[in-house]
Amino acid sequence: MNTSVVSIQQTLMHKQSSKERGHVVIDSVGISFGEGESKNIAVRETSLNIKPGEFVCILGPSGCGKSTLLNAVAGYINPSTGRVLVDDVEILNPGPDRGMVFQQYSLLPWKTVLDNIAFGPRLAGHSAAECNSIARTFLAMIGLSKMERRFPGELSGGMQQRVGIARALANYPSVLLMDEPFGALDAQTRLMMQESLLDIWSEFGTTVLFVTHDVDEAIFLADRILIMSASPGTVIADLKVNLERPRSQEMATSEPFVSLKRECLRYIRSESMKAFEQRECE
């Protein structure tokens, strides 16, 4: 069978199954590092239930454990107490069912754009032809088909991050984990990337867990916003975003957007003040 047909079939199968995949359960998870007097509690006992296909953003003051919690879902670190499950399977290690996108683009600089995206499928055992076909499918989706022979250093920051998202999706993960992926981009590119991400998400329906410091970004993207306390962090608010989809940047001036932003900032200011006071007492 033609490899491009195979890639299209895989994409369609993923879309059909995405409604049933990507259920994340964080069950009484606590995370600490070190022992005895040097023990550092990064995340206090936290429990969450994220439904398949939900777009969930995590906000909170610096150092509250947002990225640590995300890394536990990724399998990069194991909880000290409790457990993380994805689709009823306990997470102990990284796996292809979870794609990760970082603030740093983390692309392989010696590989072309095409080869960067094809890297995951190649590790999964697909043939070279299948890998290239999958990579080209995602390149078309992110609007960079003409860049497949370029190297990462030849691309703008926004383009590199789009390639990073495509690479994370090329294994058809059930959950996409994003740790401040647009934090290093200029304001205009950041807005464009937010819109591009929502287009991709609406296409696939993959569960997304997205860490950010930007309240406007969280409201624009998410179905739900989780707000974490000052360190050691735990989720203190779970806010539903009642904005219609598809979203547009013009919504930022609407009453529901402004009202939710005010509520988010109230929590974050309070917790940031607590974090500041903690540092002053050390």
Protein backbone atom coordinates (compact mmCIF):
# COMPACT_ATOMS: atom_id res chain seq x y z
CA MET A 1 0.00 0.00 0.00
CA ASN A 2 1.20 3.53 -0.76
CA THR A 3 2.93 5.00 2.30
CA SER A 4 1.04 8.29 2.04
CA VAL A 5 -2.22 6.32 2.19
CA VAL A 6 -0.94 4.49 5.27
CA SER A 7 -0.12 7.80 6.94
CA ILE A 8 -3.56 9.22 6.19
CA GLN A 9 -5.20 6.05 7.53
CA GLN A 10 -3.13 6.30 10.73
CA THR A 11 -4.20 9.92 11.14
CA LEU A 12 -7.87 9.05 10.67
CA MET A 13 -7.61 6.13 13.10
CA HIS A 14 -6.03 8.43 15.67
CA LYS A 15 -8.81 10.99 15.29
CA GLN A 16 -11.42 8.27 15.77
CA SER A 17 -9.71 6.82 18.87
CA SER A 18 -8.65 10.12 20.47
CA LYS A 19 -12.08 10.52 22.09
CA GLU A 20 -11.39 7.35 24.08
CA ARG A 21 -7.67 7.93 24.81
CA GLY A 22 -5.85 10.38 27.02
CA HIS A 23 -7.61 9.93 30.36
CA VAL A 24 -5.17 11.24 32.99
CA VAL A 25 -5.61 10.49 36.68
CA ILE A 26 -3.31 12.05 39.28
CA ASP A 27 -4.10 10.09 42.41
CA SER A 28 -2.90 11.59 45.73
CA VAL A 29 0.47 12.46 44.20
CA GLY A 30 3.18 14.00 46.36
CA ILE A 31 6.70 14.66 45.10
CA SER A 32 9.78 15.33 47.20
CA PHE A 33 13.53 15.26 46.68
CA GLY A 34 16.24 14.34 49.17
CA GLU A 35 15.84 12.93 52.66
CA GLY A 36 16.02 14.04 56.27
CA GLU A 37 16.90 17.68 56.89
CA SER A 38 17.68 18.19 53.19
CA LYS A 39 14.28 16.91 52.09
CA ASN A 40 12.53 19.30 49.74
CA ILE A 41 8.78 18.88 49.16
CA ALA A 42 8.04 20.04 45.60
CA VAL A 43 4.38 19.00 45.30
CA ARG A 44 1.95 18.38 48.15
CA GLU A 45 -0.72 15.71 47.85
CA THR A 46 -2.63 16.46 44.66
CA SER A 47 -5.46 14.62 42.92
CA LEU A 48 -6.84 15.39 39.46
CA ASN A 49 -9.05 13.76 36.86
CA ILE A 50 -8.49 14.96 33.28
CA LYS A 51 -10.93 13.66 30.70
CA PRO A 52 -9.90 12.44 27.24
CA GLY A 53 -9.56 15.36 24.83
CA GLU A 54 -9.55 18.09 27.47
CA PHE A 55 -7.23 21.08 27.15
CA VAL A 56 -6.03 21.89 30.67
CA CYS A 57 -3.69 24.74 31.61
CA ILE A 58 -1.74 24.98 34.88
CA LEU A 59 -0.99 28.37 36.43
CA GLY A 60 0.83 29.28 39.62
CA PRO A 61 3.70 31.27 41.11
CA SER A 62 7.29 30.48 40.13
CA GLY A 63 8.70 27.41 41.84
CA CYS A 64 5.33 26.00 42.89
CA GLY A 65 5.84 22.62 41.21
CA LYS A 66 3.96 23.07 37.90
CA SER A 67 6.76 21.59 35.78
CA THR A 68 7.49 18.94 38.41
CA LEU A 69 3.89 17.71 38.23
CA LEU A 70 4.04 17.72 34.43
CA ASN A 71 7.28 15.70 34.52
CA ALA A 72 5.56 13.11 36.71
CA VAL A 73 2.86 12.66 34.05
CA ALA A 74 5.62 12.41 31.43
CA GLY A 75 7.34 9.69 33.48
CA TYR A 76 10.60 11.62 33.89
CA ILE A 77 10.22 11.49 37.68
CA ASN A 78 8.25 9.14 39.91
CA PRO A 79 5.91 10.40 42.64
CA SER A 80 7.07 9.95 46.23
CA THR A 81 3.48 9.12 47.17
CA GLY A 82 0.41 8.30 45.10
CA ARG A 83 0.42 7.45 41.41
CA VAL A 84 -0.19 8.81 37.92
CA LEU A 85 -2.30 6.84 35.45
CA VAL A 86 -2.87 7.40 31.74
CA ASP A 87 -5.68 5.30 30.30
CA ASP A 88 -5.65 3.14 33.45
CA VAL A 89 -1.93 2.34 33.15
CA GLU A 90 0.38 3.52 35.94
CA ILE A 91 3.16 5.78 34.68
CA LEU A 92 6.66 4.80 35.79
CA ASN A 93 8.73 5.79 32.75
CA PRO A 94 8.48 7.96 29.62
CA GLY A 95 6.54 6.40 26.76
CA PRO A 96 5.26 7.09 23.24
CA ASP A 97 1.72 7.56 24.56
CA ARG A 98 2.87 10.94 25.95
CA GLY A 99 4.43 13.63 23.77
CA MET A 100 6.44 16.44 25.38
CA VAL A 101 7.11 19.98 24.14
CA PHE A 102 9.52 22.24 26.05
CA GLN A 103 10.22 25.97 26.00
CA GLN A 104 13.60 25.17 24.45
CA TYR A 105 12.88 23.73 21.04
CA SER A 106 14.99 20.60 21.72
CA LEU A 107 15.33 19.80 18.03
CA LEU A 108 18.32 17.80 16.79
CA PRO A 109 20.39 20.50 15.03
CA TRP A 110 22.21 18.07 12.72
CA LYS A 111 18.97 16.62 11.34
CA THR A 112 16.66 18.21 8.80
CA VAL A 113 13.15 19.28 9.73
CA LEU A 114 11.78 16.15 8.06
CA ASP A 115 14.17 13.86 9.94
CA ASN A 116 13.42 15.55 13.27
CA ILE A 117 9.72 14.79 12.91
CA ALA A 118 10.39 11.28 11.59
CA PHE A 119 12.70 10.49 14.52
CA GLY A 120 9.98 9.17 16.85
CA PRO A 121 8.25 6.93 14.30
CA ARG A 122 11.68 5.57 13.33
CA LEU A 123 12.38 4.61 16.95
CA ALA A 124 8.96 2.96 17.02
CA GLY A 125 10.05 0.64 14.21
CA HIS A 126 8.35 2.13 11.15
CA SER A 127 10.08 1.82 7.81
CA ALA A 128 11.97 4.80 6.38
CA ALA A 129 9.23 5.35 3.80
CA GLU A 130 6.49 5.26 6.45
CA CYS A 131 8.45 7.63 8.70
CA ASN A 132 8.89 10.17 5.92
CA SER A 133 5.23 9.90 5.00
CA ILE A 134 4.13 10.48 8.60
CA ALA A 135 6.54 13.42 8.90
CA ARG A 136 5.25 15.00 5.69
CA THR A 137 1.65 14.65 6.91
CA PHE A 138 2.49 16.66 10.02
CA LEU A 139 4.62 19.16 8.10
CA ALA A 140 1.62 19.91 5.93
CA MET A 141 -0.54 20.28 9.03
CA ILE A 142 1.78 22.92 10.53
CA GLY A 143 2.24 24.69 7.18
CA LEU A 144 5.95 23.96 6.76
CA SER A 145 5.98 21.49 3.87
CA LYS A 146 8.45 23.65 1.93
CA MET A 147 10.90 23.57 4.85
CA GLU A 148 11.44 19.81 5.07
CA ARG A 149 15.08 19.96 3.91
CA ARG A 150 16.00 22.89 6.15
CA PHE A 151 17.91 22.51 9.41
CA PRO A 152 16.56 23.88 12.72
CA GLY A 153 19.10 26.70 12.78
CA GLU A 154 17.66 28.04 9.53
CA LEU A 155 14.17 28.48 11.01
CA SER A 156 12.63 31.23 13.12
CA GLY A 157 11.72 30.52 16.75
CA GLY A 158 8.04 30.10 15.91
CA MET A 159 8.82 27.69 13.08
CA GLN A 160 11.11 25.63 15.31
CA GLN A 161 8.40 25.33 17.94
CA ARG A 162 5.87 24.23 15.31
CA VAL A 163 8.32 21.52 14.28
CA GLY A 164 8.65 20.56 17.96
CA ILE A 165 4.88 20.18 18.26
CA ALA A 166 4.74 18.13 15.05
CA ARG A 167 7.53 15.88 16.33
CA ALA A 168 5.67 15.34 19.62
CA LEU A 169 2.50 14.39 17.72
CA ALA A 170 4.19 12.12 15.15
CA ASN A 171 3.89 9.10 17.47
CA TYR A 172 0.16 9.82 17.83
CA PRO A 173 0.32 10.21 21.64
CA SER A 174 -2.83 10.14 23.72
CA VAL A 175 -1.55 13.05 25.85
CA LEU A 176 0.45 16.12 24.80
CA LEU A 177 2.46 17.72 27.63
CA MET A 178 3.65 21.29 27.09
CA ASP A 179 5.97 23.16 29.47
CA GLU A 180 5.80 26.89 28.68
CA PRO A 181 6.33 26.13 24.98
CA PHE A 182 5.81 29.72 23.81
CA GLY A 183 7.63 31.48 26.64
CA ALA A 184 10.70 32.37 24.55
CA LEU A 185 8.73 33.79 21.60
CA ASP A 186 7.92 37.42 20.88
CA ALA A 187 4.36 38.58 21.59
CA GLN A 188 3.10 38.47 18.00
CA THR A 189 4.57 35.03 17.27
CA ARG A 190 3.18 33.77 20.58
CA LEU A 191 -0.37 34.76 19.59
CA MET A 192 0.04 33.06 16.22
CA MET A 193 1.35 29.91 17.88
CA GLN A 194 -1.60 29.81 20.27
CA GLU A 195 -4.00 29.90 17.33
CA SER A 196 -1.97 27.28 15.45
CA LEU A 197 -1.96 24.98 18.49
CA LEU A 198 -5.75 25.22 18.83
CA ASP A 199 -6.13 24.35 15.14
CA ILE A 200 -3.98 21.23 15.63
CA TRP A 201 -5.78 20.30 18.84
CA SER A 202 -9.20 20.64 17.21
CA GLU A 203 -7.94 18.41 14.40
CA PHE A 204 -6.76 15.61 16.70
CA GLY A 205 -8.60 16.06 19.98
CA THR A 206 -5.52 14.97 21.93
CA THR A 207 -5.57 15.59 25.68
CA VAL A 208 -3.31 18.58 26.42
CA LEU A 209 -1.71 19.51 29.74
CA PHE A 210 -0.12 22.95 29.31
CA VAL A 211 2.03 24.81 31.87
CA THR A 212 2.21 28.60 31.54
CA HIS A 213 2.77 31.80 33.53
CA ASP A 214 0.53 33.78 31.16
CA VAL A 215 -3.06 34.14 32.39
CA ASP A 216 -4.36 35.42 29.03
CA GLU A 217 -2.75 32.45 27.27
CA ALA A 218 -4.33 29.98 29.69
CA ILE A 219 -7.82 31.46 29.27
CA PHE A 220 -7.52 31.61 25.48
CA LEU A 221 -6.41 27.98 25.16
CA ALA A 222 -8.01 25.96 27.94
CA ASP A 223 -11.20 24.14 28.81
CA ARG A 224 -10.07 24.19 32.46
CA ILE A 225 -7.46 26.15 34.39
CA LEU A 226 -5.76 24.62 37.41
CA ILE A 227 -4.10 27.06 39.81
CA MET A 228 -1.35 25.84 42.12
CA SER A 229 -0.43 27.24 45.52
CA ALA A 230 2.93 28.59 46.59
CA SER A 231 5.59 25.93 47.18
CA PRO A 232 5.15 23.18 48.11
CA GLY A 233 2.42 23.35 45.50
CA THR A 234 -0.95 21.72 45.28
CA VAL A 235 -3.99 22.56 43.17
CA ILE A 236 -6.12 25.12 45.00
CA ALA A 237 -8.54 26.07 42.20
CA ASP A 238 -10.05 24.26 39.23
CA LEU A 239 -11.75 26.83 36.99
CA LYS A 240 -13.89 26.06 33.96
CA VAL A 241 -13.39 28.32 30.92
CA ASN A 242 -16.85 29.13 29.57
CA LEU A 243 -15.81 30.56 26.22
CA GLU A 244 -17.13 29.28 22.92
CA ARG A 245 -14.90 27.51 20.42
CA PRO A 246 -13.37 28.27 18.02
CA ARG A 247 -11.60 30.96 20.02
CA SER A 248 -10.44 34.32 18.70
CA GLN A 249 -8.08 36.90 20.18
CA GLU A 250 -10.96 39.42 20.20
CA MET A 251 -12.46 37.45 23.09
CA ALA A 252 -9.80 38.95 25.37
CA THR A 253 -11.99 42.04 25.83
CA SER A 254 -15.22 40.15 26.49
CA GLU A 255 -16.80 40.18 29.95
CA PRO A 256 -16.43 36.40 30.58
CA PHE A 257 -12.72 36.56 29.64
CA VAL A 258 -12.02 39.62 31.79
CA SER A 259 -13.99 38.20 34.73
CA LEU A 260 -12.10 34.90 34.65
CA LYS A 261 -8.78 36.73 34.29
CA ARG A 262 -9.62 38.77 37.39
CA GLU A 263 -10.36 35.56 39.33
CA CYS A 264 -7.13 33.87 38.19
CA LEU A 265 -5.05 36.92 39.10
CA ARG A 266 -6.62 37.08 42.55
CA TYR A 267 -5.43 33.54 43.30
CA ILE A 268 -1.99 34.04 41.73
CA ARG A 269 -1.29 37.35 43.50
CA SER A 270 -2.21 35.82 46.85
CA GLU A 271 0.01 32.78 46.30
CA SER A 272 2.86 34.84 44.86
CA MET A 273 2.80 36.99 48.00
CA LYS A 274 3.02 33.84 50.13
CA ALA A 275 5.97 32.64 48.04
CA PHE A 276 7.70 36.01 48.50
CA GLU A 277 7.15 35.90 52.26
CA GLN A 278 8.55 32.37 52.40
CA ARG A 279 11.74 33.50 50.67
CA GLU A 280 12.06 36.47 53.02
CA CYS A 281 11.87 34.14 56.05
CA GLU A 282 14.57 31.77 54.77
